[in-house]
Amino acid sequence: MPVSEAPYTRQYQHTHQRGHEQLVVCSRCGRQVPRYKTLIQFSGFRINDPGILQEVDRNQIHMFRQKKYVCPSCARKYKVVQPGRTVRKKHMRRF
């Protein structure tokens, strides 16, 4: 019986059965991590004011959006994912 399970699912799958995996740099700590172990976080901004959107054409606005890779330890530290409970304590509820 495993002690704990990951509270998230990774979207990236292995591309090859054997061989070298692609390394990416964690955007928080700078550590090089295999891409399949990282979690993806998008950062950017949106203009939500309807008055500005009516005045300016959407094709003239560049909406900044960046894809960041975060290693599992930084994802837990910076609350990208919630830390999981152990399997033994999952049945217990807090009141």
N, C-alpha and C. Protein backbone atom coordinates (compact mmCIF):
# COMPACT_ATOMS: atom_id res chain seq x y z
N MET A 1 0.84 -1.17 0.00
CA MET A 1 0.00 0.00 0.00
C MET A 1 0.89 1.24 0.00
N PRO A 2 0.72 2.13 -0.97
CA PRO A 2 1.58 3.32 -1.01
C PRO A 2 1.25 4.28 0.13
N VAL A 3 2.28 4.99 0.57
CA VAL A 3 2.09 5.92 1.67
C VAL A 3 1.27 7.12 1.21
N SER A 4 1.58 7.65 0.04
CA SER A 4 0.80 8.78 -0.46
C SER A 4 0.76 8.73 -1.98
N GLU A 5 -0.21 9.41 -2.52
CA GLU A 5 -0.35 9.51 -3.97
C GLU A 5 -0.30 10.98 -4.35
N ALA A 6 0.10 11.25 -5.56
CA ALA A 6 0.17 12.64 -6.01
C ALA A 6 -1.24 13.22 -6.15
N PRO A 7 -1.46 14.44 -5.68
CA PRO A 7 -2.79 15.03 -5.76
C PRO A 7 -3.08 15.66 -7.11
N TYR A 8 -2.24 15.41 -8.09
CA TYR A 8 -2.40 16.01 -9.41
C TYR A 8 -2.04 14.98 -10.46
N THR A 9 -2.41 15.24 -11.70
CA THR A 9 -2.02 14.38 -12.81
C THR A 9 -1.19 15.20 -13.78
N ARG A 10 -0.12 14.63 -14.23
CA ARG A 10 0.73 15.33 -15.20
C ARG A 10 0.15 15.11 -16.59
N GLN A 11 0.20 16.16 -17.41
CA GLN A 11 -0.37 16.08 -18.74
C GLN A 11 0.63 15.56 -19.76
N TYR A 12 1.91 15.76 -19.51
CA TYR A 12 2.93 15.37 -20.47
C TYR A 12 3.23 13.88 -20.34
N GLN A 13 3.28 13.19 -21.44
CA GLN A 13 3.60 11.77 -21.46
C GLN A 13 5.01 11.58 -22.02
N HIS A 14 5.61 10.45 -21.72
CA HIS A 14 6.92 10.15 -22.28
C HIS A 14 6.81 10.03 -23.80
N THR A 15 7.81 10.58 -24.50
CA THR A 15 7.78 10.51 -25.96
C THR A 15 8.47 9.25 -26.49
N HIS A 16 9.44 8.74 -25.75
CA HIS A 16 10.17 7.56 -26.19
C HIS A 16 10.20 6.54 -25.06
N GLN A 17 10.40 5.30 -25.42
CA GLN A 17 10.49 4.26 -24.40
C GLN A 17 11.83 4.30 -23.69
N ARG A 18 12.88 4.61 -24.43
CA ARG A 18 14.22 4.65 -23.85
C ARG A 18 14.94 5.89 -24.33
N GLY A 19 15.99 6.24 -23.64
CA GLY A 19 16.82 7.33 -24.11
C GLY A 19 16.75 8.57 -23.22
N HIS A 20 17.34 9.62 -23.71
CA HIS A 20 17.47 10.86 -22.95
C HIS A 20 16.19 11.67 -23.02
N GLU A 21 15.72 12.10 -21.88
CA GLU A 21 14.52 12.95 -21.82
C GLU A 21 14.93 14.41 -21.97
N GLN A 22 14.02 15.20 -22.52
CA GLN A 22 14.29 16.62 -22.69
C GLN A 22 14.28 17.32 -21.33
N LEU A 23 15.29 18.16 -21.07
CA LEU A 23 15.39 18.89 -19.83
C LEU A 23 14.86 20.31 -20.03
N VAL A 24 14.13 20.80 -19.05
CA VAL A 24 13.66 22.18 -19.06
C VAL A 24 14.11 22.83 -17.76
N VAL A 25 14.15 24.15 -17.75
CA VAL A 25 14.59 24.90 -16.58
C VAL A 25 13.36 25.34 -15.79
N CYS A 26 13.38 25.09 -14.49
CA CYS A 26 12.29 25.52 -13.62
C CYS A 26 12.28 27.04 -13.57
N SER A 27 11.11 27.63 -13.73
CA SER A 27 11.03 29.09 -13.77
C SER A 27 11.15 29.71 -12.39
N ARG A 28 11.03 28.93 -11.33
CA ARG A 28 11.13 29.46 -9.96
C ARG A 28 12.54 29.35 -9.39
N CYS A 29 13.15 28.15 -9.48
CA CYS A 29 14.45 27.95 -8.83
C CYS A 29 15.60 27.82 -9.81
N GLY A 30 15.32 27.59 -11.09
CA GLY A 30 16.38 27.48 -12.09
C GLY A 30 16.97 26.09 -12.22
N ARG A 31 16.40 25.11 -11.55
CA ARG A 31 16.91 23.73 -11.61
C ARG A 31 16.51 23.10 -12.94
N GLN A 32 17.38 22.28 -13.49
CA GLN A 32 17.06 21.54 -14.70
C GLN A 32 16.34 20.25 -14.32
N VAL A 33 15.15 20.07 -14.88
CA VAL A 33 14.29 18.95 -14.52
C VAL A 33 13.81 18.30 -15.81
N PRO A 34 13.64 16.98 -15.85
CA PRO A 34 13.03 16.36 -17.03
C PRO A 34 11.63 16.91 -17.26
N ARG A 35 11.27 17.09 -18.51
CA ARG A 35 10.02 17.77 -18.84
C ARG A 35 8.79 17.03 -18.32
N TYR A 36 8.85 15.69 -18.27
CA TYR A 36 7.68 14.94 -17.84
C TYR A 36 7.40 15.11 -16.35
N LYS A 37 8.39 15.56 -15.57
CA LYS A 37 8.19 15.76 -14.14
C LYS A 37 7.66 17.14 -13.80
N THR A 38 7.72 18.07 -14.73
CA THR A 38 7.34 19.44 -14.41
C THR A 38 5.84 19.65 -14.51
N LEU A 39 5.38 20.71 -13.88
CA LEU A 39 3.99 21.14 -13.96
C LEU A 39 3.97 22.46 -14.72
N ILE A 40 2.96 22.65 -15.54
CA ILE A 40 2.88 23.82 -16.39
C ILE A 40 2.04 24.88 -15.72
N GLN A 41 2.55 26.11 -15.74
CA GLN A 41 1.83 27.24 -15.17
C GLN A 41 1.85 28.37 -16.19
N PHE A 42 0.69 28.93 -16.47
CA PHE A 42 0.59 30.03 -17.41
C PHE A 42 0.52 31.34 -16.64
N SER A 43 1.24 32.35 -17.13
CA SER A 43 1.17 33.66 -16.51
C SER A 43 0.93 34.69 -17.59
N GLY A 44 0.31 35.78 -17.22
CA GLY A 44 0.02 36.83 -18.17
C GLY A 44 -1.04 37.76 -17.61
N PHE A 45 -1.67 38.51 -18.48
CA PHE A 45 -2.71 39.41 -18.02
C PHE A 45 -3.81 39.48 -19.07
N ARG A 46 -4.97 39.94 -18.64
CA ARG A 46 -6.11 40.14 -19.52
C ARG A 46 -6.72 41.50 -19.25
N ILE A 47 -7.32 42.09 -20.25
CA ILE A 47 -8.03 43.34 -20.08
C ILE A 47 -9.50 42.99 -19.89
N ASN A 48 -10.01 43.24 -18.70
CA ASN A 48 -11.39 42.88 -18.39
C ASN A 48 -12.35 44.06 -18.47
N ASP A 49 -11.82 45.26 -18.65
CA ASP A 49 -12.67 46.45 -18.69
C ASP A 49 -13.38 46.52 -20.04
N PRO A 50 -14.73 46.45 -20.08
CA PRO A 50 -15.43 46.44 -21.37
C PRO A 50 -15.32 47.76 -22.12
N GLY A 51 -15.11 48.86 -21.39
CA GLY A 51 -14.96 50.16 -22.07
C GLY A 51 -13.70 50.23 -22.91
N ILE A 52 -12.60 49.70 -22.38
CA ILE A 52 -11.33 49.70 -23.13
C ILE A 52 -11.43 48.76 -24.32
N LEU A 53 -12.06 47.61 -24.14
CA LEU A 53 -12.17 46.64 -25.23
C LEU A 53 -13.03 47.17 -26.38
N GLN A 54 -14.01 48.01 -26.11
CA GLN A 54 -14.83 48.58 -27.18
C GLN A 54 -14.07 49.64 -27.96
N GLU A 55 -13.20 50.41 -27.27
CA GLU A 55 -12.46 51.47 -27.92
C GLU A 55 -11.34 50.94 -28.81
N VAL A 56 -10.68 49.87 -28.37
CA VAL A 56 -9.51 49.36 -29.07
C VAL A 56 -9.87 48.04 -29.74
N ASP A 57 -9.37 47.85 -30.95
CA ASP A 57 -9.59 46.61 -31.68
C ASP A 57 -8.75 45.50 -31.05
N ARG A 58 -9.31 44.30 -30.94
CA ARG A 58 -8.59 43.18 -30.31
C ARG A 58 -7.35 42.78 -31.09
N ASN A 59 -7.33 43.02 -32.39
CA ASN A 59 -6.17 42.64 -33.20
C ASN A 59 -4.98 43.56 -32.93
N GLN A 60 -5.21 44.72 -32.37
CA GLN A 60 -4.13 45.66 -32.10
C GLN A 60 -3.52 45.48 -30.72
N ILE A 61 -4.14 44.68 -29.88
CA ILE A 61 -3.64 44.44 -28.52
C ILE A 61 -2.89 43.13 -28.49
N HIS A 62 -1.68 43.16 -27.92
CA HIS A 62 -0.92 41.92 -27.72
C HIS A 62 -1.15 41.47 -26.29
N MET A 63 -1.86 40.36 -26.12
CA MET A 63 -2.13 39.82 -24.79
C MET A 63 -0.95 38.93 -24.40
N PHE A 64 -0.21 39.37 -23.41
CA PHE A 64 0.98 38.65 -22.97
C PHE A 64 0.57 37.38 -22.24
N ARG A 65 1.08 36.26 -22.70
CA ARG A 65 0.83 34.96 -22.06
C ARG A 65 2.09 34.14 -22.17
N GLN A 66 2.58 33.65 -21.04
CA GLN A 66 3.83 32.92 -21.01
C GLN A 66 3.62 31.57 -20.36
N LYS A 67 4.25 30.55 -20.93
CA LYS A 67 4.16 29.20 -20.40
C LYS A 67 5.41 28.95 -19.55
N LYS A 68 5.19 28.61 -18.27
CA LYS A 68 6.30 28.38 -17.36
C LYS A 68 6.28 26.93 -16.91
N TYR A 69 7.46 26.36 -16.76
CA TYR A 69 7.60 25.02 -16.23
C TYR A 69 8.07 25.12 -14.78
N VAL A 70 7.40 24.39 -13.88
CA VAL A 70 7.70 24.44 -12.46
C VAL A 70 8.03 23.03 -11.99
N CYS A 71 9.14 22.88 -11.27
CA CYS A 71 9.51 21.55 -10.75
C CYS A 71 8.56 21.17 -9.61
N PRO A 72 8.45 19.89 -9.26
CA PRO A 72 7.49 19.46 -8.23
C PRO A 72 7.73 20.09 -6.86
N SER A 73 8.99 20.30 -6.47
CA SER A 73 9.24 20.89 -5.16
C SER A 73 8.80 22.35 -5.11
N CYS A 74 9.03 23.11 -6.17
CA CYS A 74 8.58 24.50 -6.22
C CYS A 74 7.06 24.56 -6.35
N ALA A 75 6.47 23.59 -7.01
CA ALA A 75 5.01 23.58 -7.15
C ALA A 75 4.34 23.40 -5.79
N ARG A 76 4.93 22.60 -4.93
CA ARG A 76 4.39 22.46 -3.57
C ARG A 76 4.67 23.70 -2.74
N LYS A 77 5.87 24.26 -2.88
CA LYS A 77 6.24 25.42 -2.07
C LYS A 77 5.42 26.66 -2.42
N TYR A 78 5.23 26.91 -3.72
CA TYR A 78 4.52 28.11 -4.16
C TYR A 78 3.03 27.85 -4.41
N LYS A 79 2.54 26.71 -3.93
CA LYS A 79 1.11 26.38 -3.97
C LYS A 79 0.52 26.33 -5.37
N VAL A 80 1.30 25.81 -6.33
CA VAL A 80 0.76 25.53 -7.66
C VAL A 80 -0.16 24.33 -7.57
N VAL A 81 0.22 23.34 -6.76
CA VAL A 81 -0.62 22.18 -6.46
C VAL A 81 -0.77 22.08 -4.96
N GLN A 82 -1.83 21.45 -4.53
CA GLN A 82 -2.05 21.25 -3.11
C GLN A 82 -1.33 19.98 -2.67
N PRO A 83 -0.66 20.00 -1.52
CA PRO A 83 0.00 18.78 -1.06
C PRO A 83 -1.03 17.70 -0.74
N GLY A 84 -0.71 16.48 -1.10
CA GLY A 84 -1.65 15.38 -0.90
C GLY A 84 -1.58 14.81 0.50
N ARG A 85 -2.67 14.22 0.93
CA ARG A 85 -2.70 13.53 2.22
C ARG A 85 -2.25 12.09 2.02
N THR A 86 -1.84 11.48 3.10
CA THR A 86 -1.47 10.07 3.00
C THR A 86 -2.73 9.25 2.76
N VAL A 87 -2.56 8.09 2.19
CA VAL A 87 -3.68 7.22 1.88
C VAL A 87 -4.39 6.78 3.15
N ARG A 88 -3.63 6.59 4.20
CA ARG A 88 -4.23 6.14 5.46
C ARG A 88 -5.15 7.20 6.06
N LYS A 89 -4.85 8.48 5.85
CA LYS A 89 -5.63 9.55 6.47
C LYS A 89 -6.69 10.13 5.55
N LYS A 90 -6.83 9.63 4.34
CA LYS A 90 -7.81 10.20 3.41
C LYS A 90 -9.24 9.96 3.85
N HIS A 91 -9.48 8.88 4.58
CA HIS A 91 -10.84 8.59 5.01
C HIS A 91 -11.26 9.46 6.19
N MET A 92 -10.31 10.05 6.88
CA MET A 92 -10.63 10.88 8.04
C MET A 92 -11.03 12.28 7.56
N ARG A 93 -12.09 12.82 8.12
CA ARG A 93 -12.56 14.14 7.73
C ARG A 93 -12.36 15.12 8.88
N ARG A 94 -12.08 16.34 8.51
CA ARG A 94 -11.93 17.39 9.53
C ARG A 94 -13.28 18.08 9.73
N PHE A 95 -13.59 18.35 10.97
CA PHE A 95 -14.86 19.03 11.26
C PHE A 95 -14.59 20.40 11.81
